[in-house]
Amino acid sequence: MAGDDPFAEVARLLAERRNAVALTGAGISVESGIPAFRGAQGLWEKYAPMEYATIGAFIRSPEKSWRMLTELLSLCGGATPNAAHTGLAELESMGLLRAVITQNVDRLHQAAGTGKVIEYHGNLEELVCITCWRNFPTRERWKGDGSPPRCDCGEILKPNIVMFGEPIPWTAQERAEEEARSCGVLLVIGTSAQVTPACDIPRLAKKAGAAVVEINPEETRLTGTVTDIHISGAASDVVRGLLRSVSSLQKKND
């Protein structure tokens, strides 16, 4: 499907269908200084997820989980959007991209200016008490000194993110699946879509007739089975290339 120039082909699809959706994962934020969870520099090399990042581990030893969460908050707190984030916001402003479904919890899509963001795994800007369910802005309760923040009821607060063993918030999952079933193009950026149920989103889009465009440095499980066009490279480089091709196509059609 890609032909000789995959950038031109994707630009054509975006321009013709004008209802693209992006599914993004950790890979899109690596260039913002947030390491992917997996891999040599990943958080899971330092903190075994079953020990620190499951809801069961949090309930058993919230102080231990907060050692990992403090590092995650510190990494995300100093990060700024990169060209991939701002490029998607530009595609939205051009009327070519209608929504971003993100597995990330860093809020960088919103910081870049994207208006419609579905946070599949929650975000780090809010804390929740798993005893009385009160919510607080993270900046009001988290001191950043390693001590777990506490609720007014005395219990330790948890970031409002989906930990292993927790369900995806129903509203987010329902909205994401509806976007997947009704989009014309799905841009899969920085994720191999291995984690359930996020891995279903590209398959839902494909089954409904969307063109699936994968932007990842390497091939994934999606590449040989679901992906129509795979563009290899860093997310920011590829998104910049797509914007150039879209701009060129628009000038050609003017």
Protein backbone atom coordinates (compact mmCIF):
# COMPACT_ATOMS: atom_id res chain seq x y z
CA MET A 1 0.00 0.00 0.00
CA ALA A 2 2.88 2.38 0.72
CA GLY A 3 4.33 2.58 -2.80
CA ASP A 4 7.63 4.32 -3.44
CA ASP A 5 6.99 7.25 -1.08
CA PRO A 6 5.20 6.23 2.15
CA PHE A 7 5.12 9.85 3.37
CA ALA A 8 3.25 10.96 0.26
CA GLU A 9 0.86 8.01 0.53
CA VAL A 10 0.04 8.75 4.18
CA ALA A 11 -0.41 12.46 3.37
CA ARG A 12 -2.84 11.47 0.63
CA LEU A 13 -4.80 9.24 3.00
CA LEU A 14 -4.95 11.97 5.65
CA ALA A 15 -6.12 14.57 3.13
CA GLU A 16 -8.71 12.32 1.50
CA ARG A 17 -10.25 10.82 4.62
CA ARG A 18 -9.80 13.75 7.05
CA ASN A 19 -10.77 11.67 10.08
CA ALA A 20 -7.53 10.22 11.37
CA VAL A 21 -6.95 9.13 14.97
CA ALA A 22 -3.56 8.60 16.61
CA LEU A 23 -2.72 5.89 19.14
CA THR A 24 0.45 6.83 21.00
CA GLY A 25 2.69 5.04 23.46
CA ALA A 26 5.89 5.58 25.41
CA GLY A 27 8.02 5.85 22.28
CA ILE A 28 6.57 9.23 21.36
CA SER A 29 7.83 10.77 24.62
CA VAL A 30 11.36 9.33 24.60
CA GLU A 31 12.66 12.41 22.79
CA SER A 32 11.16 14.52 25.58
CA GLY A 33 13.47 12.80 28.05
CA ILE A 34 11.02 10.22 29.38
CA PRO A 35 12.51 6.74 28.91
CA ALA A 36 10.28 3.96 27.66
CA PHE A 37 9.29 1.57 30.43
CA ARG A 38 10.91 -1.37 28.67
CA GLY A 39 14.46 -1.62 27.33
CA ALA A 40 17.94 -0.93 28.64
CA GLN A 41 17.09 2.47 30.15
CA GLY A 42 13.49 1.60 30.99
CA LEU A 43 11.89 2.01 34.37
CA TRP A 44 11.15 -1.71 34.53
CA GLU A 45 14.89 -2.48 34.47
CA LYS A 46 15.19 -0.62 37.74
CA TYR A 47 11.84 -1.43 39.31
CA ALA A 48 10.34 -4.87 38.73
CA PRO A 49 6.74 -4.07 37.74
CA MET A 50 5.25 -6.93 39.73
CA GLU A 51 6.97 -5.57 42.86
CA TYR A 52 6.28 -1.87 42.40
CA ALA A 53 3.61 -1.23 39.77
CA THR A 54 0.66 -3.54 40.44
CA ILE A 55 -2.35 -2.41 42.42
CA GLY A 56 -1.73 -5.34 44.75
CA ALA A 57 1.85 -4.18 45.39
CA PHE A 58 0.60 -0.66 46.07
CA ILE A 59 -1.97 -1.87 48.59
CA ARG A 60 0.57 -4.13 50.33
CA SER A 61 3.36 -1.57 50.47
CA PRO A 62 2.41 1.90 49.18
CA GLU A 63 5.66 3.41 50.49
CA LYS A 64 7.64 1.00 48.28
CA SER A 65 5.51 1.77 45.21
CA TRP A 66 5.97 5.48 45.85
CA ARG A 67 9.75 5.10 45.37
CA MET A 68 9.04 4.19 41.74
CA LEU A 69 6.21 6.71 41.41
CA THR A 70 8.41 9.53 42.71
CA GLU A 71 10.95 8.85 39.97
CA LEU A 72 8.20 8.70 37.34
CA LEU A 73 6.72 12.00 38.51
CA SER A 74 10.14 13.63 38.52
CA LEU A 75 10.85 12.46 34.96
CA CYS A 76 7.51 13.60 33.62
CA GLY A 77 7.39 16.84 35.58
CA GLY A 78 10.39 18.31 33.80
CA ALA A 79 9.46 17.11 30.31
CA THR A 80 8.21 19.29 27.46
CA PRO A 81 6.50 18.28 24.21
CA ASN A 82 8.69 17.33 21.26
CA ALA A 83 8.07 17.74 17.52
CA ALA A 84 5.92 14.60 17.37
CA HIS A 85 3.52 15.98 19.99
CA THR A 86 3.35 19.42 18.38
CA GLY A 87 3.07 17.86 14.92
CA LEU A 88 -0.04 15.91 15.92
CA ALA A 89 -1.52 19.10 17.38
CA GLU A 90 -0.86 20.78 14.02
CA LEU A 91 -2.57 17.96 12.14
CA GLU A 92 -5.56 18.43 14.44
CA SER A 93 -5.64 22.17 13.77
CA MET A 94 -5.58 21.41 10.01
CA GLY A 95 -8.69 19.27 10.39
CA LEU A 96 -6.91 16.04 9.46
CA LEU A 97 -6.61 14.44 12.91
CA ARG A 98 -9.66 14.31 15.12
CA ALA A 99 -8.37 12.65 18.31
CA VAL A 100 -5.36 11.20 20.11
CA ILE A 101 -5.68 8.05 22.20
CA THR A 102 -2.63 7.90 24.43
CA GLN A 103 -1.30 5.19 26.69
CA ASN A 104 1.00 7.80 28.25
CA VAL A 105 0.34 9.53 31.55
CA ASP A 106 2.60 12.55 30.97
CA ARG A 107 0.02 15.04 29.58
CA LEU A 108 2.45 16.12 26.83
CA HIS A 109 -0.22 15.97 24.13
CA GLN A 110 -2.29 18.55 25.99
CA ALA A 111 0.80 20.66 26.60
CA ALA A 112 1.47 20.59 22.84
CA GLY A 113 -2.01 21.93 22.12
CA THR A 114 -4.03 18.86 21.13
CA GLY A 115 -7.65 19.42 22.09
CA LYS A 116 -9.15 15.92 22.06
CA VAL A 117 -7.01 13.50 24.06
CA ILE A 118 -8.30 10.21 25.44
CA GLU A 119 -6.10 9.19 28.37
CA TYR A 120 -6.27 5.42 28.25
CA HIS A 121 -4.14 4.92 31.36
CA GLY A 122 -5.01 8.08 33.30
CA ASN A 123 -2.54 10.85 34.14
CA LEU A 124 -0.09 11.95 36.81
CA GLU A 125 -1.66 15.34 37.51
CA GLU A 126 -4.24 13.95 39.89
CA LEU A 127 -4.03 11.84 43.03
CA VAL A 128 -6.80 9.60 44.33
CA CYS A 129 -7.43 7.97 47.68
CA ILE A 130 -8.27 4.31 47.21
CA THR A 131 -10.06 4.30 50.58
CA CYS A 132 -12.41 7.29 50.42
CA TRP A 133 -11.94 8.08 46.67
CA ARG A 134 -11.27 11.79 47.14
CA ASN A 135 -9.21 13.42 44.40
CA PHE A 136 -6.48 16.05 44.73
CA PRO A 137 -4.21 17.89 42.28
CA THR A 138 -0.78 16.25 42.51
CA ARG A 139 1.00 19.59 43.01
CA GLU A 140 -1.03 20.23 46.17
CA ARG A 141 -0.12 16.99 47.94
CA TRP A 142 3.11 15.61 46.49
CA LYS A 143 6.24 17.12 48.07
CA GLY A 144 8.77 15.39 45.83
CA ASP A 145 10.94 14.36 48.78
CA GLY A 146 10.11 10.67 48.56
CA SER A 147 7.42 10.74 51.24
CA PRO A 148 4.06 9.40 50.02
CA PRO A 149 1.32 12.05 49.88
CA ARG A 150 -1.65 11.50 52.15
CA CYS A 151 -5.37 12.08 52.00
CA ASP A 152 -7.25 14.04 54.66
CA CYS A 153 -8.51 10.66 55.90
CA GLY A 154 -4.89 9.67 56.65
CA GLU A 155 -4.47 7.08 53.88
CA ILE A 156 -1.69 7.23 51.28
CA LEU A 157 -2.76 8.66 47.94
CA LYS A 158 -2.17 7.00 44.55
CA PRO A 159 -1.66 8.76 41.21
CA ASN A 160 -4.79 8.51 39.10
CA ILE A 161 -3.12 6.12 36.66
CA VAL A 162 -3.91 2.54 35.72
CA MET A 163 -1.53 0.20 37.51
CA PHE A 164 -1.12 -3.44 36.50
CA GLY A 165 -4.16 -5.36 37.70
CA GLU A 166 -6.51 -2.37 37.45
CA PRO A 167 -9.17 -2.05 34.74
CA ILE A 168 -9.06 0.65 32.10
CA PRO A 169 -11.54 3.41 33.05
CA TRP A 170 -14.72 2.43 31.26
CA THR A 171 -15.34 5.85 29.69
CA ALA A 172 -11.82 6.02 28.26
CA GLN A 173 -12.02 2.50 26.84
CA GLU A 174 -15.46 3.09 25.33
CA ARG A 175 -14.39 6.38 23.71
CA ALA A 176 -11.15 4.88 22.39
CA GLU A 177 -12.91 1.90 20.83
CA GLU A 178 -15.53 4.15 19.22
CA GLU A 179 -12.77 6.32 17.71
CA ALA A 180 -11.03 3.19 16.41
CA ARG A 181 -14.19 1.81 14.81
CA SER A 182 -15.08 5.06 13.03
CA CYS A 183 -11.74 6.53 11.90
CA GLY A 184 -10.43 6.38 8.34
CA VAL A 185 -6.74 6.34 9.29
CA LEU A 186 -5.13 5.14 12.51
CA LEU A 187 -1.63 6.46 13.21
CA VAL A 188 0.11 4.09 15.64
CA ILE A 189 3.08 5.98 17.08
CA GLY A 190 5.64 4.77 19.61
CA THR A 191 3.80 1.68 20.74
CA SER A 192 3.96 -1.99 19.82
CA ALA A 193 0.40 -2.37 21.18
CA GLN A 194 1.24 -5.50 23.15
CA VAL A 195 -0.53 -4.56 26.39
CA THR A 196 -4.15 -5.65 26.71
CA PRO A 197 -6.62 -4.12 25.96
CA ALA A 198 -4.77 -1.32 24.11
CA CYS A 199 -3.54 -3.95 21.64
CA ASP A 200 -7.15 -4.30 20.40
CA ILE A 201 -7.38 -0.71 19.15
CA PRO A 202 -5.41 -1.17 15.88
CA ARG A 203 -7.27 -4.40 15.17
CA LEU A 204 -10.65 -2.73 15.71
CA ALA A 205 -9.69 0.06 13.33
CA LYS A 206 -8.41 -2.37 10.71
CA LYS A 207 -11.54 -4.52 10.94
CA ALA A 208 -13.70 -1.43 10.42
CA GLY A 209 -11.81 -0.51 7.25
CA ALA A 210 -9.26 2.06 8.44
CA ALA A 211 -5.76 2.28 7.03
CA VAL A 212 -3.30 1.51 9.83
CA VAL A 213 -0.07 3.53 9.67
CA GLU A 214 2.66 2.44 12.06
CA ILE A 215 5.43 4.85 13.06
CA ASN A 216 8.06 2.94 15.02
CA PRO A 217 11.84 2.61 14.71
CA GLU A 218 11.52 -1.18 14.44
CA GLU A 219 8.91 -3.64 13.30
CA THR A 220 6.45 -4.91 15.91
CA ARG A 221 3.82 -7.62 16.15
CA LEU A 222 1.48 -5.27 14.32
CA THR A 223 3.76 -4.82 11.32
CA GLY A 224 3.17 -8.11 9.57
CA THR A 225 -0.47 -8.60 10.49
CA VAL A 226 -2.32 -5.30 10.97
CA THR A 227 -0.17 -2.46 9.63
CA ASP A 228 -0.76 -1.19 6.10
CA ILE A 229 2.14 1.27 6.03
CA HIS A 230 5.15 1.11 8.33
CA ILE A 231 7.48 4.12 8.46
CA SER A 232 10.64 3.44 10.42
CA GLY A 233 12.28 6.25 12.37
CA ALA A 234 12.06 8.48 15.43
CA ALA A 235 8.54 9.77 15.99
CA SER A 236 9.49 13.46 15.71
CA ASP A 237 11.36 12.93 12.42
CA VAL A 238 8.53 10.96 10.86
CA VAL A 239 5.77 13.35 11.97
CA ARG A 240 7.78 16.29 10.65
CA GLY A 241 8.13 14.42 7.36
CA LEU A 242 4.38 13.81 7.23
CA LEU A 243 3.70 17.51 7.81
CA ARG A 244 6.02 18.41 4.93
CA SER A 245 4.24 15.93 2.65
CA VAL A 246 0.81 17.23 3.70
CA SER A 247 1.94 20.81 3.05
CA SER A 248 3.35 19.82 -0.36
CA LEU A 249 0.11 18.07 -1.28
CA GLN A 250 -1.96 21.08 -0.27
CA LYS A 251 0.17 23.43 -2.38
CA LYS A 252 -0.13 21.05 -5.31
CA ASN A 253 -3.92 21.02 -5.01
CA ASP A 254 -4.29 24.79 -4.57
